[in-house]
Protein backbone atom coordinates (compact mmCIF):
# COMPACT_ATOMS: atom_id res chain seq x y z
CA MET A 1 23.12 -13.39 -8.79
CA SER A 2 21.43 -16.07 -7.39
CA ASN A 3 18.05 -16.43 -6.01
CA GLN A 4 19.70 -17.04 -3.00
CA ASP A 5 21.10 -13.86 -3.39
CA ALA A 6 18.26 -11.95 -4.04
CA PHE A 7 16.22 -12.70 -0.96
CA ALA A 8 19.83 -11.87 0.76
CA ASN A 9 19.93 -8.73 -0.64
CA THR A 10 16.00 -7.71 -0.32
CA GLN A 11 13.86 -6.39 2.62
CA PHE A 12 10.89 -8.01 3.44
CA SER A 13 7.85 -6.90 5.01
CA VAL A 14 4.15 -6.67 5.59
CA LEU A 15 1.04 -5.48 4.72
CA ASP A 16 -2.17 -6.41 6.44
CA LEU A 17 -5.26 -5.49 5.33
CA VAL A 18 -6.83 -7.20 8.17
CA PRO A 19 -9.84 -9.18 6.83
CA ILE A 20 -12.17 -10.48 8.46
CA ALA A 21 -12.38 -14.49 7.64
CA LEU A 22 -16.00 -16.26 8.44
CA GLY A 23 -17.10 -16.85 11.29
CA ASN A 24 -14.63 -13.60 12.77
CA SER A 25 -15.76 -10.78 14.65
CA ASN A 26 -14.20 -7.46 14.16
CA LEU A 27 -12.06 -8.04 17.60
CA GLN A 28 -10.90 -11.37 16.70
CA SER A 29 -9.73 -9.61 13.50
CA MET A 30 -7.89 -7.20 14.63
CA GLN A 31 -6.42 -9.54 17.63
CA ASN A 32 -5.27 -11.32 14.88
CA SER A 33 -3.45 -8.80 12.86
CA LEU A 34 -1.79 -8.52 16.42
CA ASP A 35 -0.49 -11.34 16.67
CA LEU A 36 0.42 -11.88 12.94
CA ALA A 37 2.32 -8.62 13.78
CA ARG A 38 3.65 -10.14 16.94
CA ASN A 39 5.25 -13.07 14.86
CA VAL A 40 6.58 -11.56 11.68
CA GLU A 41 8.38 -9.20 14.00
CA ASP A 42 9.80 -12.82 15.52
CA PHE A 43 10.21 -14.20 11.91
CA GLY A 44 12.83 -10.74 10.92
CA TYR A 45 10.40 -8.57 8.72
CA LYS A 46 11.24 -5.21 8.54
CA ARG A 47 7.66 -3.33 8.96
CA PHE A 48 4.09 -4.35 9.15
CA TRP A 49 1.84 -2.15 7.10
CA VAL A 50 -2.20 -1.71 7.55
CA SER A 51 -3.86 -0.15 4.30
CA GLU A 52 -6.99 2.32 4.92
CA HIS A 53 -10.49 1.22 3.25
CA HIS A 54 -13.91 2.22 3.80
CA ASN A 55 -17.55 1.13 3.83
CA THR A 56 -16.64 -2.75 3.37
CA ASP A 57 -17.65 -5.49 5.79
CA THR A 58 -14.69 -7.64 4.81
CA LEU A 59 -12.24 -5.28 6.26
CA VAL A 60 -11.39 -3.61 9.13
CA SER A 61 -8.93 -0.78 8.76
CA SER A 62 -10.54 2.19 8.39
CA ALA A 63 -9.46 4.13 11.16
CA THR A 64 -5.98 3.15 10.28
CA VAL A 65 -4.40 5.33 12.68
CA VAL A 66 -6.23 3.98 15.94
CA LEU A 67 -5.02 0.26 14.60
CA LEU A 68 -1.50 1.82 13.67
CA GLY A 69 -1.43 2.34 17.76
CA TYR A 70 -2.89 -0.67 18.80
CA LEU A 71 -0.19 -2.17 16.59
CA ALA A 72 2.50 -0.48 17.89
CA GLN A 73 1.55 -0.90 21.31
CA GLY A 74 1.92 -4.97 21.16
CA THR A 75 5.21 -4.84 19.33
CA SER A 76 8.54 -3.63 20.36
CA LYS A 77 10.79 -3.07 17.34
CA ILE A 78 8.97 -3.81 13.89
CA ARG A 79 8.03 -0.81 11.84
CA ILE A 80 4.39 -0.01 11.72
CA GLY A 81 3.20 1.79 8.92
CA SER A 82 0.38 2.80 6.55
CA GLY A 83 0.12 1.11 3.45
CA GLY A 84 -1.18 3.62 3.17
CA ILE A 85 -3.07 6.94 4.52
CA MET A 86 -5.35 7.77 1.34
CA LEU A 87 -3.81 11.46 2.04
CA PRO A 88 -7.31 12.83 -0.13
CA ASN A 89 -9.11 11.55 2.69
CA HIS A 90 -7.73 13.83 4.91
CA ALA A 91 -6.44 17.22 6.07
CA PRO A 92 -2.89 17.16 6.04
CA LEU A 93 -2.44 19.17 9.30
CA ILE A 94 -4.65 15.86 10.85
CA VAL A 95 -2.45 13.48 9.13
CA ALA A 96 0.68 15.37 10.46
CA GLU A 97 -1.07 15.43 14.47
CA GLN A 98 -1.77 11.97 14.05
CA PHE A 99 1.52 10.44 12.79
CA GLY A 100 3.53 13.04 15.04
CA THR A 101 1.79 11.44 17.61
CA LEU A 102 2.37 7.96 16.23
CA GLU A 103 6.12 9.25 16.59
CA THR A 104 6.51 10.62 19.56
CA LEU A 105 4.47 7.30 21.58
CA TYR A 106 6.80 5.35 19.69
CA PRO A 107 10.11 6.90 18.41
CA ASN A 108 12.20 5.71 15.54
CA ARG A 109 9.12 2.79 14.59
CA ILE A 110 6.86 5.01 12.63
CA ASP A 111 6.47 5.37 8.65
CA LEU A 112 3.94 7.33 7.07
CA GLY A 113 2.86 5.58 3.17
CA LEU A 114 0.71 8.04 1.45
CA GLY A 115 -2.01 6.87 -1.60
CA ARG A 116 -4.34 9.36 -3.73
CA ALA A 117 -6.96 6.91 -4.26
CA PRO A 118 -9.98 7.19 -2.26
CA GLY A 119 -9.89 3.26 -0.56
CA THR A 120 -13.59 2.72 -1.23
CA ASP A 121 -16.34 4.01 -3.84
CA GLN A 122 -17.16 7.40 -5.22
CA LEU A 123 -20.06 7.62 -2.37
CA THR A 124 -18.02 6.65 0.29
CA ALA A 125 -15.21 8.95 -0.42
CA HIS A 126 -18.06 11.91 -1.06
CA ALA A 127 -19.15 11.42 2.08
CA LEU A 128 -15.12 11.11 3.58
CA ARG A 129 -14.42 14.89 1.74
CA ARG A 130 -17.77 16.52 2.33
CA GLY A 131 -18.18 16.86 -0.99
CA LYS A 132 -14.32 18.52 -2.03
CA GLN A 133 -13.63 18.22 -5.40
CA GLU A 134 -9.76 16.88 -6.23
CA SER A 135 -7.85 18.18 -8.73
CA VAL A 136 -5.04 17.05 -10.31
CA GLN A 137 -2.34 18.84 -7.82
CA ASP A 138 -4.05 18.65 -4.85
CA PHE A 139 -1.92 15.34 -3.97
CA PRO A 140 1.56 17.18 -4.76
CA ASN A 141 0.48 20.32 -2.80
CA ASP A 142 -0.56 17.92 0.43
CA ILE A 143 2.63 16.19 0.33
CA GLU A 144 4.21 19.57 0.50
CA GLU A 145 2.36 20.63 2.90
CA LEU A 146 2.39 18.00 5.53
CA GLN A 147 6.16 17.75 5.08
CA THR A 148 6.33 21.83 5.61
CA TYR A 149 4.43 20.50 9.25
CA PHE A 150 7.24 17.95 10.31
CA SER A 151 9.61 20.25 9.29
CA VAL A 152 11.44 22.11 11.90
CA GLU A 153 11.98 25.39 9.66
CA ASN A 154 7.59 25.94 10.52
CA GLN A 155 8.10 26.79 13.93
CA ASP A 156 7.66 30.18 13.02
CA GLY A 157 4.36 28.93 11.33
CA ARG A 158 1.01 30.23 12.06
CA VAL A 159 -0.32 26.86 11.78
CA ARG A 160 1.77 24.34 13.40
CA ALA A 161 1.47 20.40 14.09
CA ILE A 162 2.23 19.71 17.45
CA PRO A 163 3.56 16.76 17.92
CA GLY A 164 4.78 16.52 14.80
CA GLU A 165 7.14 19.20 14.23
CA GLY A 166 10.66 18.29 13.74
CA LEU A 167 9.85 14.54 14.06
CA ASP A 168 12.01 12.56 11.36
CA ILE A 169 8.79 10.12 10.33
CA PRO A 170 9.78 8.53 6.62
CA ILE A 171 7.21 9.05 3.69
CA TYR A 172 6.74 6.71 1.16
CA LEU A 173 4.49 6.92 -2.17
CA LEU A 174 2.77 4.39 -2.87
CA GLY A 175 0.51 4.01 -6.44
CA SER A 176 -0.88 1.61 -8.54
CA SER A 177 0.20 3.75 -11.95
CA THR A 178 3.01 6.00 -13.26
CA PHE A 179 1.49 9.35 -11.13
CA SER A 180 3.34 8.35 -7.98
CA ALA A 181 6.23 7.11 -9.46
CA GLN A 182 7.25 10.09 -10.88
CA LEU A 183 5.68 12.40 -7.91
CA ALA A 184 8.49 9.84 -5.75
CA ALA A 185 11.19 10.77 -8.07
CA LYS A 186 10.29 14.16 -8.40
CA LYS A 187 10.48 14.50 -4.54
CA GLY A 188 12.84 11.90 -3.66
CA LEU A 189 11.01 9.75 -1.51
CA PRO A 190 10.80 5.87 -1.60
CA TYR A 191 8.23 4.44 -3.76
CA ALA A 192 6.18 1.11 -3.14
CA PHE A 193 4.21 -0.28 -6.42
CA ALA A 194 0.73 -2.07 -5.09
CA SER A 195 1.77 -4.77 -7.58
CA HIS A 196 -0.20 -7.27 -5.98
CA PHE A 197 -3.61 -6.15 -7.44
CA ALA A 198 -2.43 -3.91 -10.10
CA PRO A 199 0.46 -5.68 -12.14
CA THR A 200 0.61 -3.85 -15.45
CA HIS A 201 2.45 -0.63 -15.21
CA LEU A 202 5.40 -1.94 -12.84
CA MET A 203 7.77 -2.28 -14.85
CA GLU A 204 7.33 1.22 -16.27
CA ALA A 205 6.74 2.99 -13.42
CA LEU A 206 9.58 1.86 -11.60
CA ASP A 207 11.75 2.88 -14.75
CA LEU A 208 9.88 6.35 -14.38
CA TYR A 209 10.94 6.36 -10.59
CA LYS A 210 14.59 5.18 -10.70
CA GLY A 211 15.53 7.33 -14.43
CA GLY A 212 13.77 10.44 -12.77
CA PHE A 213 14.92 10.02 -9.32
CA THR A 214 16.21 13.23 -7.91
CA ALA A 215 17.80 13.09 -4.29
CA SER A 216 16.80 15.08 -1.44
CA LYS A 217 17.88 15.78 2.26
CA SER A 218 15.51 12.18 2.83
CA LEU A 219 17.06 10.35 -0.12
CA GLU A 220 20.10 9.88 -1.73
CA LYS A 221 18.98 7.68 -4.16
CA PRO A 222 15.81 5.91 -5.43
CA TYR A 223 14.17 3.16 -2.98
CA SER A 224 11.72 1.10 -4.83
CA MET A 225 9.19 -2.06 -3.22
CA ALA A 226 7.00 -3.90 -4.47
CA CYS A 227 3.82 -5.51 -2.64
CA VAL A 228 3.16 -9.15 -3.88
CA ASN A 229 0.61 -11.77 -2.68
CA VAL A 230 2.58 -14.94 -1.26
CA PHE A 231 1.11 -18.21 -0.18
CA VAL A 232 4.45 -20.77 1.17
CA ALA A 233 3.25 -24.18 2.40
CA ASP A 234 5.10 -27.72 2.59
CA THR A 235 3.65 -28.93 -0.16
CA ASP A 236 2.78 -26.78 -3.54
CA GLN A 237 -1.13 -28.87 -3.45
CA GLN A 238 -1.06 -26.98 -0.23
CA ALA A 239 0.04 -24.00 -0.87
CA GLU A 240 -2.35 -23.52 -3.59
CA TYR A 241 -5.14 -24.70 -1.26
CA LEU A 242 -4.73 -22.09 0.38
CA ALA A 243 -4.55 -19.48 -2.08
CA SER A 244 -8.33 -20.28 -3.15
CA SER A 245 -9.25 -18.29 -0.29
CA PHE A 246 -7.94 -15.31 -1.18
CA TYR A 247 -9.15 -16.18 -5.41
CA GLN A 248 -12.86 -16.14 -3.92
CA MET A 249 -12.02 -12.47 -2.20
CA ALA A 250 -10.52 -11.46 -5.76
CA MET A 251 -13.71 -12.69 -7.55
CA GLY A 252 -15.76 -11.03 -4.73
CA ILE A 253 -14.01 -7.57 -6.60
CA ILE A 254 -14.74 -8.40 -9.76
CA THR A 255 -18.09 -9.57 -9.49
CA ASN A 256 -19.09 -6.79 -6.66
CA LYS A 257 -19.85 -9.01 -4.30
CA ARG A 258 -18.23 -9.13 -1.15
CA GLU A 259 -18.07 -11.65 1.74
CA PRO A 260 -15.86 -12.36 4.50
CA LEU A 261 -12.71 -14.31 4.06
CA GLN A 262 -13.55 -17.67 2.61
CA PRO A 263 -12.53 -21.26 3.64
CA PRO A 264 -10.33 -22.81 1.16
CA VAL A 265 -11.66 -25.36 -1.55
CA GLU A 266 -10.02 -28.07 -3.40
CA ASP A 267 -11.13 -26.57 -6.56
CA MET A 268 -11.52 -23.53 -8.18
CA ASP A 269 -13.11 -24.75 -11.18
CA GLU A 270 -15.86 -25.37 -9.52
CA ILE A 271 -16.79 -21.33 -8.41
CA TRP A 272 -15.46 -19.25 -11.78
CA ASN A 273 -15.79 -19.71 -14.72
CA TYR A 274 -13.43 -18.90 -17.22
CA GLN A 275 -13.77 -15.32 -17.77
CA GLN A 276 -13.70 -14.33 -13.90
CA LYS A 277 -10.47 -16.91 -13.58
CA SER A 278 -9.01 -15.38 -16.21
CA MET A 279 -10.00 -11.56 -14.39
CA VAL A 280 -8.82 -12.70 -11.39
CA GLN A 281 -5.45 -14.22 -12.65
CA ASN A 282 -4.44 -11.45 -14.75
CA MET A 283 -5.03 -8.64 -11.56
CA MET A 284 -3.41 -11.25 -9.28
CA TYR A 285 -0.82 -11.93 -11.72
CA PHE A 286 2.13 -11.45 -9.11
CA THR A 287 1.13 -13.86 -6.83
CA PHE A 288 3.60 -16.73 -5.59
CA LYS A 289 2.32 -19.78 -4.23
CA GLY A 290 4.15 -23.33 -3.22
CA THR A 291 7.04 -24.68 -1.18
CA GLN A 292 9.53 -22.45 -0.49
CA GLN A 293 11.81 -23.98 -3.08
CA THR A 294 8.62 -23.18 -5.35
CA VAL A 295 8.85 -19.64 -3.88
CA GLU A 296 12.44 -18.92 -3.62
CA LYS A 297 12.67 -19.81 -7.54
CA GLU A 298 9.96 -18.03 -8.70
CA LEU A 299 10.38 -14.70 -6.12
CA GLY A 300 13.68 -14.77 -6.84
CA ALA A 301 13.18 -14.46 -10.53
CA PHE A 302 10.78 -11.59 -9.66
CA ILE A 303 13.07 -10.05 -7.57
CA LYS A 304 15.92 -10.21 -9.76
CA ASN A 305 13.82 -8.32 -13.08
CA THR A 306 12.42 -6.06 -11.13
CA GLY A 307 15.41 -4.98 -8.89
CA VAL A 308 13.36 -3.93 -6.10
CA ASP A 309 14.80 -3.24 -2.57
CA GLU A 310 11.81 -3.93 -0.79
CA ILE A 311 9.22 -6.85 -0.97
CA ILE A 312 6.26 -6.30 0.89
CA VAL A 313 3.92 -9.52 1.31
CA THR A 314 0.28 -9.90 1.60
CA SER A 315 -1.07 -13.25 1.76
CA HIS A 316 -4.90 -13.56 2.79
CA ILE A 317 -5.36 -17.24 4.19
CA TYR A 318 -8.12 -18.41 5.86
CA ASP A 319 -6.99 -20.24 9.10
CA HIS A 320 -4.76 -17.53 11.04
CA LYS A 321 -2.21 -19.79 11.92
CA GLU A 322 -1.36 -20.79 8.55
CA ARG A 323 -1.38 -17.70 7.84
CA ILE A 324 1.37 -17.29 10.31
CA LYS A 325 3.10 -20.30 8.79
CA SER A 326 3.25 -19.04 5.50
CA TYR A 327 5.03 -16.02 6.64
CA LYS A 328 7.73 -18.30 8.94
CA LEU A 329 8.26 -20.56 6.02
CA LEU A 330 9.18 -17.39 4.06
CA SER A 331 11.25 -16.03 6.26
CA GLU A 332 13.45 -18.68 6.37
CA LEU A 333 14.54 -17.79 2.49
CA PHE A 334 15.59 -14.56 3.35
CA ASN A 335 17.17 -15.12 7.35
């Protein structure tokens, strides 16, 4: 299979963390997310997901469901969803009601991606969960409860999700380890791996998922997705320059010095030391940057090696217009 075939046979979608670029307000950041969603809808991307994060002044995706409604109302055909809702932070009934409401308002356009991480630090997780202690079985049990609320069979149940009951809202399991891969296989659900920041167990997780998959009512065969970082520009040098904002953000994660998305710089070696550079490059290993030709070659090889059905693209680019341009250049490879 050629690189062109790899792109042609693969779905492409977008994950937005709704970052706050230096100088932008919370409102402007959310408006930029909607503008991005409208553009990638025109570019032919399949879905636009937003991830749940709390207690950070660098991202504004904490009220994820509210933001999804804003994005769905401002677009017309692209699928809108969570990448993901951190299920341990929420009662399954609430999630069923919220996504049932979204699906009722925007039929056949809503995805429910679920993760089991807190999406924040432990102190904030405690505040969100009000001291609830999570066991290893809570996540599988919560998914089963959620599926029950969505089922037609629950119409005689004592606790029902209205709206939500009987609606066909696809559930995706998200993960950065092998746990959710095995659970998605067992339950016959599509699986998305967070390889954009946790590359280590990607191939192992995909093998476990595909090898252990059991067909379900919602999915006959495995459907795998991988999230990666992508920066496309007119030259390799320009793409490297744009990616420096992303690398600064990643440095903030490993040094615990979180800042708004910073403007790009000409030379990252003036900012990070060798150890920090190594840590960032290892954590963000699946980052593809360069011209269309460069990205087609490298990302095409990734698609062929992993065999994933869908690529979810995230691009932390400081300049909003450059971010849109990067997504447009990438879309020209798969359209």
